[in-house]
Amino acid sequence: DARQSAAEEVDYKDFFENGGIALHVVDG
């Protein structure tokens, strides 16, 4: 599970950083 979670995190970061659509995260 830890390895799967790490892989998913890597995929998410790759999507976040290299996606073609502009994306940002704002706090409350």
mmCIF file of all heavy atoms, coordinates in Angstrom:
data_MODEL
# 
_entry.id   MODEL 
# 
loop_
_atom_site.group_PDB 
_atom_site.id 
_atom_site.type_symbol 
_atom_site.label_atom_id 
_atom_site.label_alt_id 
_atom_site.label_comp_id 
_atom_site.label_asym_id 
_atom_site.label_entity_id 
_atom_site.label_seq_id 
_atom_site.pdbx_PDB_ins_code 
_atom_site.Cartn_x 
_atom_site.Cartn_y 
_atom_site.Cartn_z 
_atom_site.occupancy 
_atom_site.B_iso_or_equiv 
_atom_site.pdbx_formal_charge 
_atom_site.auth_seq_id 
_atom_site.auth_comp_id 
_atom_site.auth_asym_id 
_atom_site.auth_atom_id 
_atom_site.pdbx_PDB_model_num 
ATOM 1   N N   . ASP A 1 1  ? 0.828  -1.223 0.000   1.00 0.00 ? 1  ASP A N   1 
ATOM 2   C CA  . ASP A 1 1  ? 0.000  0.000  0.000   1.00 0.00 ? 1  ASP A CA  1 
ATOM 3   C C   . ASP A 1 1  ? 0.849  1.254  0.000   1.00 0.00 ? 1  ASP A C   1 
ATOM 4   O O   . ASP A 1 1  ? 0.522  2.247  -0.653  1.00 0.00 ? 1  ASP A O   1 
ATOM 5   C CB  . ASP A 1 1  ? -0.933 0.005  1.224   1.00 0.00 ? 1  ASP A CB  1 
ATOM 6   C CG  . ASP A 1 1  ? -2.017 -1.063 1.112   1.00 0.00 ? 1  ASP A CG  1 
ATOM 7   O OD1 . ASP A 1 1  ? -2.248 -1.559 -0.035  1.00 0.00 ? 1  ASP A OD1 1 
ATOM 8   O OD2 . ASP A 1 1  ? -2.658 -1.348 2.134   1.00 0.00 ? 1  ASP A OD2 1 
ATOM 9   N N   . ALA A 1 2  ? 1.973  1.163  0.765   1.00 0.00 ? 2  ALA A N   1 
ATOM 10  C CA  . ALA A 1 2  ? 2.845  2.343  0.838   1.00 0.00 ? 2  ALA A CA  1 
ATOM 11  C C   . ALA A 1 2  ? 3.454  2.627  -0.519  1.00 0.00 ? 2  ALA A C   1 
ATOM 12  O O   . ALA A 1 2  ? 3.575  3.770  -0.961  1.00 0.00 ? 2  ALA A O   1 
ATOM 13  C CB  . ALA A 1 2  ? 3.921  2.125  1.896   1.00 0.00 ? 2  ALA A CB  1 
ATOM 14  N N   . ARG A 1 3  ? 3.869  1.496  -1.172  1.00 0.00 ? 3  ARG A N   1 
ATOM 15  C CA  . ARG A 1 3  ? 4.469  1.686  -2.492  1.00 0.00 ? 3  ARG A CA  1 
ATOM 16  C C   . ARG A 1 3  ? 3.436  2.237  -3.496  1.00 0.00 ? 3  ARG A C   1 
ATOM 17  O O   . ARG A 1 3  ? 3.743  3.093  -4.321  1.00 0.00 ? 3  ARG A O   1 
ATOM 18  C CB  . ARG A 1 3  ? 5.011  0.346  -2.984  1.00 0.00 ? 3  ARG A CB  1 
ATOM 19  C CG  . ARG A 1 3  ? 6.272  -0.088 -2.235  1.00 0.00 ? 3  ARG A CG  1 
ATOM 20  C CD  . ARG A 1 3  ? 6.698  -1.470 -2.697  1.00 0.00 ? 3  ARG A CD  1 
ATOM 21  N NE  . ARG A 1 3  ? 7.912  -1.867 -2.031  1.00 0.00 ? 3  ARG A NE  1 
ATOM 22  C CZ  . ARG A 1 3  ? 8.493  -3.070 -2.143  1.00 0.00 ? 3  ARG A CZ  1 
ATOM 23  N NH1 . ARG A 1 3  ? 7.890  -4.011 -2.909  1.00 0.00 ? 3  ARG A NH1 1 
ATOM 24  N NH2 . ARG A 1 3  ? 9.632  -3.361 -1.516  1.00 0.00 ? 3  ARG A NH2 1 
ATOM 25  N N   . GLN A 1 4  ? 2.208  1.736  -3.437  1.00 0.00 ? 4  GLN A N   1 
ATOM 26  C CA  . GLN A 1 4  ? 1.148  2.214  -4.344  1.00 0.00 ? 4  GLN A CA  1 
ATOM 27  C C   . GLN A 1 4  ? 0.841  3.680  -4.088  1.00 0.00 ? 4  GLN A C   1 
ATOM 28  O O   . GLN A 1 4  ? 0.655  4.450  -5.012  1.00 0.00 ? 4  GLN A O   1 
ATOM 29  C CB  . GLN A 1 4  ? -0.121 1.366  -4.153  1.00 0.00 ? 4  GLN A CB  1 
ATOM 30  C CG  . GLN A 1 4  ? -1.239 1.734  -5.133  1.00 0.00 ? 4  GLN A CG  1 
ATOM 31  C CD  . GLN A 1 4  ? -2.452 0.831  -4.973  1.00 0.00 ? 4  GLN A CD  1 
ATOM 32  O OE1 . GLN A 1 4  ? -2.425 -0.133 -4.183  1.00 0.00 ? 4  GLN A OE1 1 
ATOM 33  N NE2 . GLN A 1 4  ? -3.491 1.129  -5.713  1.00 0.00 ? 4  GLN A NE2 1 
ATOM 34  N N   . SER A 1 5  ? 0.796  4.060  -2.818  1.00 0.00 ? 5  SER A N   1 
ATOM 35  C CA  . SER A 1 5  ? 0.506  5.462  -2.462  1.00 0.00 ? 5  SER A CA  1 
ATOM 36  C C   . SER A 1 5  ? 1.606  6.365  -2.953  1.00 0.00 ? 5  SER A C   1 
ATOM 37  O O   . SER A 1 5  ? 1.359  7.466  -3.466  1.00 0.00 ? 5  SER A O   1 
ATOM 38  C CB  . SER A 1 5  ? 0.347  5.583  -0.948  1.00 0.00 ? 5  SER A CB  1 
ATOM 39  O OG  . SER A 1 5  ? 0.166  6.925  -0.577  1.00 0.00 ? 5  SER A OG  1 
ATOM 40  N N   . ALA A 1 6  ? 2.869  5.868  -2.837  1.00 0.00 ? 6  ALA A N   1 
ATOM 41  C CA  . ALA A 1 6  ? 3.993  6.686  -3.314  1.00 0.00 ? 6  ALA A CA  1 
ATOM 42  C C   . ALA A 1 6  ? 3.918  6.859  -4.821  1.00 0.00 ? 6  ALA A C   1 
ATOM 43  O O   . ALA A 1 6  ? 4.198  7.922  -5.374  1.00 0.00 ? 6  ALA A O   1 
ATOM 44  C CB  . ALA A 1 6  ? 5.310  6.031  -2.902  1.00 0.00 ? 6  ALA A CB  1 
ATOM 45  N N   . ALA A 1 7  ? 3.528  5.770  -5.527  1.00 0.00 ? 7  ALA A N   1 
ATOM 46  C CA  . ALA A 1 7  ? 3.426  5.849  -6.986  1.00 0.00 ? 7  ALA A CA  1 
ATOM 47  C C   . ALA A 1 7  ? 2.325  6.810  -7.405  1.00 0.00 ? 7  ALA A C   1 
ATOM 48  O O   . ALA A 1 7  ? 2.478  7.599  -8.349  1.00 0.00 ? 7  ALA A O   1 
ATOM 49  C CB  . ALA A 1 7  ? 3.157  4.458  -7.555  1.00 0.00 ? 7  ALA A CB  1 
ATOM 50  N N   . GLU A 1 8  ? 1.225  6.740  -6.684  1.00 0.00 ? 8  GLU A N   1 
ATOM 51  C CA  . GLU A 1 8  ? 0.114  7.641  -7.009  1.00 0.00 ? 8  GLU A CA  1 
ATOM 52  C C   . GLU A 1 8  ? 0.506  9.089  -6.773  1.00 0.00 ? 8  GLU A C   1 
ATOM 53  O O   . GLU A 1 8  ? 0.138  9.994  -7.537  1.00 0.00 ? 8  GLU A O   1 
ATOM 54  C CB  . GLU A 1 8  ? -1.114 7.291  -6.169  1.00 0.00 ? 8  GLU A CB  1 
ATOM 55  C CG  . GLU A 1 8  ? -1.761 5.979  -6.590  1.00 0.00 ? 8  GLU A CG  1 
ATOM 56  C CD  . GLU A 1 8  ? -2.923 5.616  -5.688  1.00 0.00 ? 8  GLU A CD  1 
ATOM 57  O OE1 . GLU A 1 8  ? -3.108 6.313  -4.668  1.00 0.00 ? 8  GLU A OE1 1 
ATOM 58  O OE2 . GLU A 1 8  ? -3.653 4.667  -6.010  1.00 0.00 ? 8  GLU A OE2 1 
ATOM 59  N N   . GLU A 1 9  ? 1.300  9.318  -5.698  1.00 0.00 ? 9  GLU A N   1 
ATOM 60  C CA  . GLU A 1 9  ? 1.731  10.683 -5.395  1.00 0.00 ? 9  GLU A CA  1 
ATOM 61  C C   . GLU A 1 9  ? 2.629  11.196 -6.501  1.00 0.00 ? 9  GLU A C   1 
ATOM 62  O O   . GLU A 1 9  ? 2.551  12.359 -6.907  1.00 0.00 ? 9  GLU A O   1 
ATOM 63  C CB  . GLU A 1 9  ? 2.451  10.719 -4.050  1.00 0.00 ? 9  GLU A CB  1 
ATOM 64  C CG  . GLU A 1 9  ? 2.863  12.115 -3.641  1.00 0.00 ? 9  GLU A CG  1 
ATOM 65  C CD  . GLU A 1 9  ? 3.495  12.134 -2.246  1.00 0.00 ? 9  GLU A CD  1 
ATOM 66  O OE1 . GLU A 1 9  ? 3.479  11.077 -1.598  1.00 0.00 ? 9  GLU A OE1 1 
ATOM 67  O OE2 . GLU A 1 9  ? 3.967  13.206 -1.857  1.00 0.00 ? 9  GLU A OE2 1 
ATOM 68  N N   . VAL A 1 10 ? 3.493  10.273 -6.983  1.00 0.00 ? 10 VAL A N   1 
ATOM 69  C CA  . VAL A 1 10 ? 4.385  10.674 -8.095  1.00 0.00 ? 10 VAL A CA  1 
ATOM 70  C C   . VAL A 1 10 ? 3.561  11.024 -9.321  1.00 0.00 ? 10 VAL A C   1 
ATOM 71  O O   . VAL A 1 10 ? 3.811  12.013 -10.003 1.00 0.00 ? 10 VAL A O   1 
ATOM 72  C CB  . VAL A 1 10 ? 5.389  9.541  -8.392  1.00 0.00 ? 10 VAL A CB  1 
ATOM 73  C CG1 . VAL A 1 10 ? 6.151  9.843  -9.673  1.00 0.00 ? 10 VAL A CG1 1 
ATOM 74  C CG2 . VAL A 1 10 ? 6.355  9.369  -7.248  1.00 0.00 ? 10 VAL A CG2 1 
ATOM 75  N N   . ASP A 1 11 ? 2.543  10.197 -9.635  1.00 0.00 ? 11 ASP A N   1 
ATOM 76  C CA  . ASP A 1 11 ? 1.673  10.468 -10.792 1.00 0.00 ? 11 ASP A CA  1 
ATOM 77  C C   . ASP A 1 11 ? 0.941  11.798 -10.627 1.00 0.00 ? 11 ASP A C   1 
ATOM 78  O O   . ASP A 1 11 ? 0.807  12.561 -11.591 1.00 0.00 ? 11 ASP A O   1 
ATOM 79  C CB  . ASP A 1 11 ? 0.662  9.344  -10.955 1.00 0.00 ? 11 ASP A CB  1 
ATOM 80  C CG  . ASP A 1 11 ? 1.341  8.052  -11.423 1.00 0.00 ? 11 ASP A CG  1 
ATOM 81  O OD1 . ASP A 1 11 ? 2.474  8.146  -11.943 1.00 0.00 ? 11 ASP A OD1 1 
ATOM 82  O OD2 . ASP A 1 11 ? 0.704  6.993  -11.300 1.00 0.00 ? 11 ASP A OD2 1 
ATOM 83  N N   . TYR A 1 12 ? 0.457  12.066 -9.411  1.00 0.00 ? 12 TYR A N   1 
ATOM 84  C CA  . TYR A 1 12 ? -0.271 13.306 -9.154  1.00 0.00 ? 12 TYR A CA  1 
ATOM 85  C C   . TYR A 1 12 ? 0.629  14.509 -9.360  1.00 0.00 ? 12 TYR A C   1 
ATOM 86  O O   . TYR A 1 12 ? 0.254  15.495 -9.995  1.00 0.00 ? 12 TYR A O   1 
ATOM 87  C CB  . TYR A 1 12 ? -0.847 13.291 -7.736  1.00 0.00 ? 12 TYR A CB  1 
ATOM 88  C CG  . TYR A 1 12 ? -1.436 14.615 -7.314  1.00 0.00 ? 12 TYR A CG  1 
ATOM 89  C CD1 . TYR A 1 12 ? -2.692 15.021 -7.802  1.00 0.00 ? 12 TYR A CD1 1 
ATOM 90  C CD2 . TYR A 1 12 ? -0.734 15.453 -6.459  1.00 0.00 ? 12 TYR A CD2 1 
ATOM 91  C CE1 . TYR A 1 12 ? -3.214 16.224 -7.411  1.00 0.00 ? 12 TYR A CE1 1 
ATOM 92  C CE2 . TYR A 1 12 ? -1.261 16.670 -6.081  1.00 0.00 ? 12 TYR A CE2 1 
ATOM 93  C CZ  . TYR A 1 12 ? -2.517 17.065 -6.549  1.00 0.00 ? 12 TYR A CZ  1 
ATOM 94  O OH  . TYR A 1 12 ? -3.046 18.271 -6.181  1.00 0.00 ? 12 TYR A OH  1 
ATOM 95  N N   . LYS A 1 13 ? 1.866  14.397 -8.805  1.00 0.00 ? 13 LYS A N   1 
ATOM 96  C CA  . LYS A 1 13 ? 2.793  15.532 -8.956  1.00 0.00 ? 13 LYS A CA  1 
ATOM 97  C C   . LYS A 1 13 ? 3.145  15.764 -10.425 1.00 0.00 ? 13 LYS A C   1 
ATOM 98  O O   . LYS A 1 13 ? 3.245  16.896 -10.889 1.00 0.00 ? 13 LYS A O   1 
ATOM 99  C CB  . LYS A 1 13 ? 4.056  15.264 -8.147  1.00 0.00 ? 13 LYS A CB  1 
ATOM 100 C CG  . LYS A 1 13 ? 3.866  15.402 -6.640  1.00 0.00 ? 13 LYS A CG  1 
ATOM 101 C CD  . LYS A 1 13 ? 5.175  15.189 -5.917  1.00 0.00 ? 13 LYS A CD  1 
ATOM 102 C CE  . LYS A 1 13 ? 4.999  15.381 -4.397  1.00 0.00 ? 13 LYS A CE  1 
ATOM 103 N NZ  . LYS A 1 13 ? 6.268  15.178 -3.664  1.00 0.00 ? 13 LYS A NZ  1 
ATOM 104 N N   . ASP A 1 14 ? 3.304  14.612 -11.167 1.00 0.00 ? 14 ASP A N   1 
ATOM 105 C CA  . ASP A 1 14 ? 3.622  14.753 -12.586 1.00 0.00 ? 14 ASP A CA  1 
ATOM 106 C C   . ASP A 1 14 ? 2.463  15.429 -13.337 1.00 0.00 ? 14 ASP A C   1 
ATOM 107 O O   . ASP A 1 14 ? 2.668  16.306 -14.175 1.00 0.00 ? 14 ASP A O   1 
ATOM 108 C CB  . ASP A 1 14 ? 3.909  13.371 -13.171 1.00 0.00 ? 14 ASP A CB  1 
ATOM 109 C CG  . ASP A 1 14 ? 4.256  13.445 -14.637 1.00 0.00 ? 14 ASP A CG  1 
ATOM 110 O OD1 . ASP A 1 14 ? 5.328  13.998 -14.988 1.00 0.00 ? 14 ASP A OD1 1 
ATOM 111 O OD2 . ASP A 1 14 ? 3.417  12.999 -15.476 1.00 0.00 ? 14 ASP A OD2 1 
ATOM 112 N N   . PHE A 1 15 ? 1.256  14.983 -13.002 1.00 0.00 ? 15 PHE A N   1 
ATOM 113 C CA  . PHE A 1 15 ? 0.075  15.599 -13.621 1.00 0.00 ? 15 PHE A CA  1 
ATOM 114 C C   . PHE A 1 15 ? -0.026 17.070 -13.270 1.00 0.00 ? 15 PHE A C   1 
ATOM 115 O O   . PHE A 1 15 ? -0.304 17.912 -14.113 1.00 0.00 ? 15 PHE A O   1 
ATOM 116 C CB  . PHE A 1 15 ? -1.182 14.842 -13.169 1.00 0.00 ? 15 PHE A CB  1 
ATOM 117 C CG  . PHE A 1 15 ? -2.470 15.539 -13.559 1.00 0.00 ? 15 PHE A CG  1 
ATOM 118 C CD1 . PHE A 1 15 ? -2.952 15.497 -14.858 1.00 0.00 ? 15 PHE A CD1 1 
ATOM 119 C CD2 . PHE A 1 15 ? -3.189 16.261 -12.599 1.00 0.00 ? 15 PHE A CD2 1 
ATOM 120 C CE1 . PHE A 1 15 ? -4.121 16.149 -15.187 1.00 0.00 ? 15 PHE A CE1 1 
ATOM 121 C CE2 . PHE A 1 15 ? -4.358 16.906 -12.931 1.00 0.00 ? 15 PHE A CE2 1 
ATOM 122 C CZ  . PHE A 1 15 ? -4.838 16.852 -14.236 1.00 0.00 ? 15 PHE A CZ  1 
ATOM 123 N N   . PHE A 1 16 ? 0.209  17.379 -12.002 1.00 0.00 ? 16 PHE A N   1 
ATOM 124 C CA  . PHE A 1 16 ? 0.098  18.752 -11.515 1.00 0.00 ? 16 PHE A CA  1 
ATOM 125 C C   . PHE A 1 16 ? 1.134  19.645 -12.186 1.00 0.00 ? 16 PHE A C   1 
ATOM 126 O O   . PHE A 1 16 ? 0.826  20.748 -12.632 1.00 0.00 ? 16 PHE A O   1 
ATOM 127 C CB  . PHE A 1 16 ? 0.272  18.763 -9.989  1.00 0.00 ? 16 PHE A CB  1 
ATOM 128 C CG  . PHE A 1 16 ? 0.113  20.137 -9.386  1.00 0.00 ? 16 PHE A CG  1 
ATOM 129 C CD1 . PHE A 1 16 ? -1.147 20.615 -9.022  1.00 0.00 ? 16 PHE A CD1 1 
ATOM 130 C CD2 . PHE A 1 16 ? 1.224  20.955 -9.182  1.00 0.00 ? 16 PHE A CD2 1 
ATOM 131 C CE1 . PHE A 1 16 ? -1.278 21.861 -8.461  1.00 0.00 ? 16 PHE A CE1 1 
ATOM 132 C CE2 . PHE A 1 16 ? 1.079  22.208 -8.623  1.00 0.00 ? 16 PHE A CE2 1 
ATOM 133 C CZ  . PHE A 1 16 ? -0.171 22.672 -8.257  1.00 0.00 ? 16 PHE A CZ  1 
ATOM 134 N N   . GLU A 1 17 ? 2.368  19.132 -12.267 1.00 0.00 ? 17 GLU A N   1 
ATOM 135 C CA  . GLU A 1 17 ? 3.451  19.969 -12.762 1.00 0.00 ? 17 GLU A CA  1 
ATOM 136 C C   . GLU A 1 17 ? 3.461  20.068 -14.287 1.00 0.00 ? 17 GLU A C   1 
ATOM 137 O O   . GLU A 1 17 ? 3.779  21.118 -14.837 1.00 0.00 ? 17 GLU A O   1 
ATOM 138 C CB  . GLU A 1 17 ? 4.805  19.422 -12.280 1.00 0.00 ? 17 GLU A CB  1 
ATOM 139 C CG  . GLU A 1 17 ? 5.006  19.525 -10.779 1.00 0.00 ? 17 GLU A CG  1 
ATOM 140 C CD  . GLU A 1 17 ? 5.046  20.962 -10.311 1.00 0.00 ? 17 GLU A CD  1 
ATOM 141 O OE1 . GLU A 1 17 ? 5.397  21.858 -11.132 1.00 0.00 ? 17 GLU A OE1 1 
ATOM 142 O OE2 . GLU A 1 17 ? 4.692  21.214 -9.150  1.00 0.00 ? 17 GLU A OE2 1 
ATOM 143 N N   . ASN A 1 18 ? 3.158  18.994 -14.944 1.00 0.00 ? 18 ASN A N   1 
ATOM 144 C CA  . ASN A 1 18 ? 3.354  18.955 -16.401 1.00 0.00 ? 18 ASN A CA  1 
ATOM 145 C C   . ASN A 1 18 ? 2.053  18.933 -17.206 1.00 0.00 ? 18 ASN A C   1 
ATOM 146 O O   . ASN A 1 18 ? 2.090  18.776 -18.427 1.00 0.00 ? 18 ASN A O   1 
ATOM 147 C CB  . ASN A 1 18 ? 4.189  17.725 -16.769 1.00 0.00 ? 18 ASN A CB  1 
ATOM 148 C CG  . ASN A 1 18 ? 5.556  17.750 -16.081 1.00 0.00 ? 18 ASN A CG  1 
ATOM 149 O OD1 . ASN A 1 18 ? 6.250  18.776 -16.127 1.00 0.00 ? 18 ASN A OD1 1 
ATOM 150 N ND2 . ASN A 1 18 ? 5.924  16.646 -15.442 1.00 0.00 ? 18 ASN A ND2 1 
ATOM 151 N N   . GLY A 1 19 ? 0.908  19.059 -16.557 1.00 0.00 ? 19 GLY A N   1 
ATOM 152 C CA  . GLY A 1 19 ? -0.373 19.076 -17.269 1.00 0.00 ? 19 GLY A CA  1 
ATOM 153 C C   . GLY A 1 19 ? -0.490 20.307 -18.182 1.00 0.00 ? 19 GLY A C   1 
ATOM 154 O O   . GLY A 1 19 ? 0.090  21.365 -17.915 1.00 0.00 ? 19 GLY A O   1 
ATOM 155 N N   . GLY A 1 20 ? -1.236 20.174 -19.236 1.00 0.00 ? 20 GLY A N   1 
ATOM 156 C CA  . GLY A 1 20 ? -1.405 21.280 -20.188 1.00 0.00 ? 20 GLY A CA  1 
ATOM 157 C C   . GLY A 1 20 ? -2.375 22.340 -19.708 1.00 0.00 ? 20 GLY A C   1 
ATOM 158 O O   . GLY A 1 20 ? -2.448 23.427 -20.298 1.00 0.00 ? 20 GLY A O   1 
ATOM 159 N N   . ILE A 1 21 ? -3.131 22.070 -18.675 1.00 0.00 ? 21 ILE A N   1 
ATOM 160 C CA  . ILE A 1 21 ? -4.109 23.029 -18.160 1.00 0.00 ? 21 ILE A CA  1 
ATOM 161 C C   . ILE A 1 21 ? -3.523 23.730 -16.952 1.00 0.00 ? 21 ILE A C   1 
ATOM 162 O O   . ILE A 1 21 ? -2.944 23.092 -16.055 1.00 0.00 ? 21 ILE A O   1 
ATOM 163 C CB  . ILE A 1 21 ? -5.414 22.326 -17.769 1.00 0.00 ? 21 ILE A CB  1 
ATOM 164 C CG1 . ILE A 1 21 ? -6.035 21.642 -19.002 1.00 0.00 ? 21 ILE A CG1 1 
ATOM 165 C CG2 . ILE A 1 21 ? -6.405 23.301 -17.171 1.00 0.00 ? 21 ILE A CG2 1 
ATOM 166 C CD1 . ILE A 1 21 ? -7.289 20.865 -18.703 1.00 0.00 ? 21 ILE A CD1 1 
ATOM 167 N N   . ALA A 1 22 ? -3.646 25.052 -16.911 1.00 0.00 ? 22 ALA A N   1 
ATOM 168 C CA  . ALA A 1 22 ? -3.135 25.819 -15.774 1.00 0.00 ? 22 ALA A CA  1 
ATOM 169 C C   . ALA A 1 22 ? -3.889 25.438 -14.512 1.00 0.00 ? 22 ALA A C   1 
ATOM 170 O O   . ALA A 1 22 ? -5.120 25.351 -14.509 1.00 0.00 ? 22 ALA A O   1 
ATOM 171 C CB  . ALA A 1 22 ? -3.281 27.309 -16.056 1.00 0.00 ? 22 ALA A CB  1 
ATOM 172 N N   . LEU A 1 23 ? -3.114 25.220 -13.405 1.00 0.00 ? 23 LEU A N   1 
ATOM 173 C CA  . LEU A 1 23 ? -3.714 24.742 -12.171 1.00 0.00 ? 23 LEU A CA  1 
ATOM 174 C C   . LEU A 1 23 ? -2.992 25.382 -10.998 1.00 0.00 ? 23 LEU A C   1 
ATOM 175 O O   . LEU A 1 23 ? -1.768 25.511 -10.998 1.00 0.00 ? 23 LEU A O   1 
ATOM 176 C CB  . LEU A 1 23 ? -3.603 23.214 -12.106 1.00 0.00 ? 23 LEU A CB  1 
ATOM 177 C CG  . LEU A 1 23 ? -4.066 22.534 -10.823 1.00 0.00 ? 23 LEU A CG  1 
ATOM 178 C CD1 . LEU A 1 23 ? -5.566 22.707 -10.625 1.00 0.00 ? 23 LEU A CD1 1 
ATOM 179 C CD2 . LEU A 1 23 ? -3.718 21.039 -10.876 1.00 0.00 ? 23 LEU A CD2 1 
ATOM 180 N N   . HIS A 1 24 ? -3.787 25.841 -10.034 1.00 0.00 ? 24 HIS A N   1 
ATOM 181 C CA  . HIS A 1 24 ? -3.179 26.315 -8.791  1.00 0.00 ? 24 HIS A CA  1 
ATOM 182 C C   . HIS A 1 24 ? -4.041 25.902 -7.605  1.00 0.00 ? 24 HIS A C   1 
ATOM 183 O O   . HIS A 1 24 ? -5.247 25.632 -7.778  1.00 0.00 ? 24 HIS A O   1 
ATOM 184 C CB  . HIS A 1 24 ? -2.980 27.841 -8.818  1.00 0.00 ? 24 HIS A CB  1 
ATOM 185 C CG  . HIS A 1 24 ? -4.266 28.628 -8.879  1.00 0.00 ? 24 HIS A CG  1 
ATOM 186 N ND1 . HIS A 1 24 ? -4.796 29.094 -10.057 1.00 0.00 ? 24 HIS A ND1 1 
ATOM 187 C CD2 . HIS A 1 24 ? -5.114 29.030 -7.881  1.00 0.00 ? 24 HIS A CD2 1 
ATOM 188 C CE1 . HIS A 1 24 ? -5.919 29.762 -9.782  1.00 0.00 ? 24 HIS A CE1 1 
ATOM 189 N NE2 . HIS A 1 24 ? -6.118 29.729 -8.445  1.00 0.00 ? 24 HIS A NE2 1 
ATOM 190 N N   . VAL A 1 25 ? -3.370 25.883 -6.403  1.00 0.00 ? 25 VAL A N   1 
ATOM 191 C CA  . VAL A 1 25 ? -4.040 25.505 -5.151  1.00 0.00 ? 25 VAL A CA  1 
ATOM 192 C C   . VAL A 1 25 ? -3.937 26.690 -4.210  1.00 0.00 ? 25 VAL A C   1 
ATOM 193 O O   . VAL A 1 25 ? -2.867 27.300 -4.071  1.00 0.00 ? 25 VAL A O   1 
ATOM 194 C CB  . VAL A 1 25 ? -3.407 24.250 -4.508  1.00 0.00 ? 25 VAL A CB  1 
ATOM 195 C CG1 . VAL A 1 25 ? -4.080 23.923 -3.171  1.00 0.00 ? 25 VAL A CG1 1 
ATOM 196 C CG2 . VAL A 1 25 ? -3.500 23.061 -5.452  1.00 0.00 ? 25 VAL A CG2 1 
ATOM 197 N N   . VAL A 1 26 ? -5.060 27.044 -3.599  1.00 0.00 ? 26 VAL A N   1 
ATOM 198 C CA  . VAL A 1 26 ? -5.136 28.181 -2.685  1.00 0.00 ? 26 VAL A CA  1 
ATOM 199 C C   . VAL A 1 26 ? -5.625 27.687 -1.335  1.00 0.00 ? 26 VAL A C   1 
ATOM 200 O O   . VAL A 1 26 ? -6.525 26.828 -1.272  1.00 0.00 ? 26 VAL A O   1 
ATOM 201 C CB  . VAL A 1 26 ? -6.076 29.266 -3.242  1.00 0.00 ? 26 VAL A CB  1 
ATOM 202 C CG1 . VAL A 1 26 ? -6.201 30.432 -2.265  1.00 0.00 ? 26 VAL A CG1 1 
ATOM 203 C CG2 . VAL A 1 26 ? -5.604 29.756 -4.602  1.00 0.00 ? 26 VAL A CG2 1 
ATOM 204 N N   . ASP A 1 27 ? -5.038 28.235 -0.241  1.00 0.00 ? 27 ASP A N   1 
ATOM 205 C CA  . ASP A 1 27 ? -5.520 27.828 1.092   1.00 0.00 ? 27 ASP A CA  1 
ATOM 206 C C   . ASP A 1 27 ? -6.799 28.565 1.439   1.00 0.00 ? 27 ASP A C   1 
ATOM 207 O O   . ASP A 1 27 ? -7.312 29.361 0.631   1.00 0.00 ? 27 ASP A O   1 
ATOM 208 C CB  . ASP A 1 27 ? -4.427 28.035 2.141   1.00 0.00 ? 27 ASP A CB  1 
ATOM 209 C CG  . ASP A 1 27 ? -4.089 29.507 2.355   1.00 0.00 ? 27 ASP A CG  1 
ATOM 210 O OD1 . ASP A 1 27 ? -4.874 30.388 1.874   1.00 0.00 ? 27 ASP A OD1 1 
ATOM 211 O OD2 . ASP A 1 27 ? -3.067 29.793 2.975   1.00 0.00 ? 27 ASP A OD2 1 
ATOM 212 N N   . GLY A 1 28 ? -7.273 28.306 2.649   1.00 0.00 ? 28 GLY A N   1 
ATOM 213 C CA  . GLY A 1 28 ? -8.539 28.901 3.068   1.00 0.00 ? 28 GLY A CA  1 
ATOM 214 C C   . GLY A 1 28 ? -8.494 30.402 3.184   1.00 0.00 ? 28 GLY A C   1 
ATOM 215 O O   . GLY A 1 28 ? -9.539 31.065 3.179   1.00 0.00 ? 28 GLY A O   1 
# 
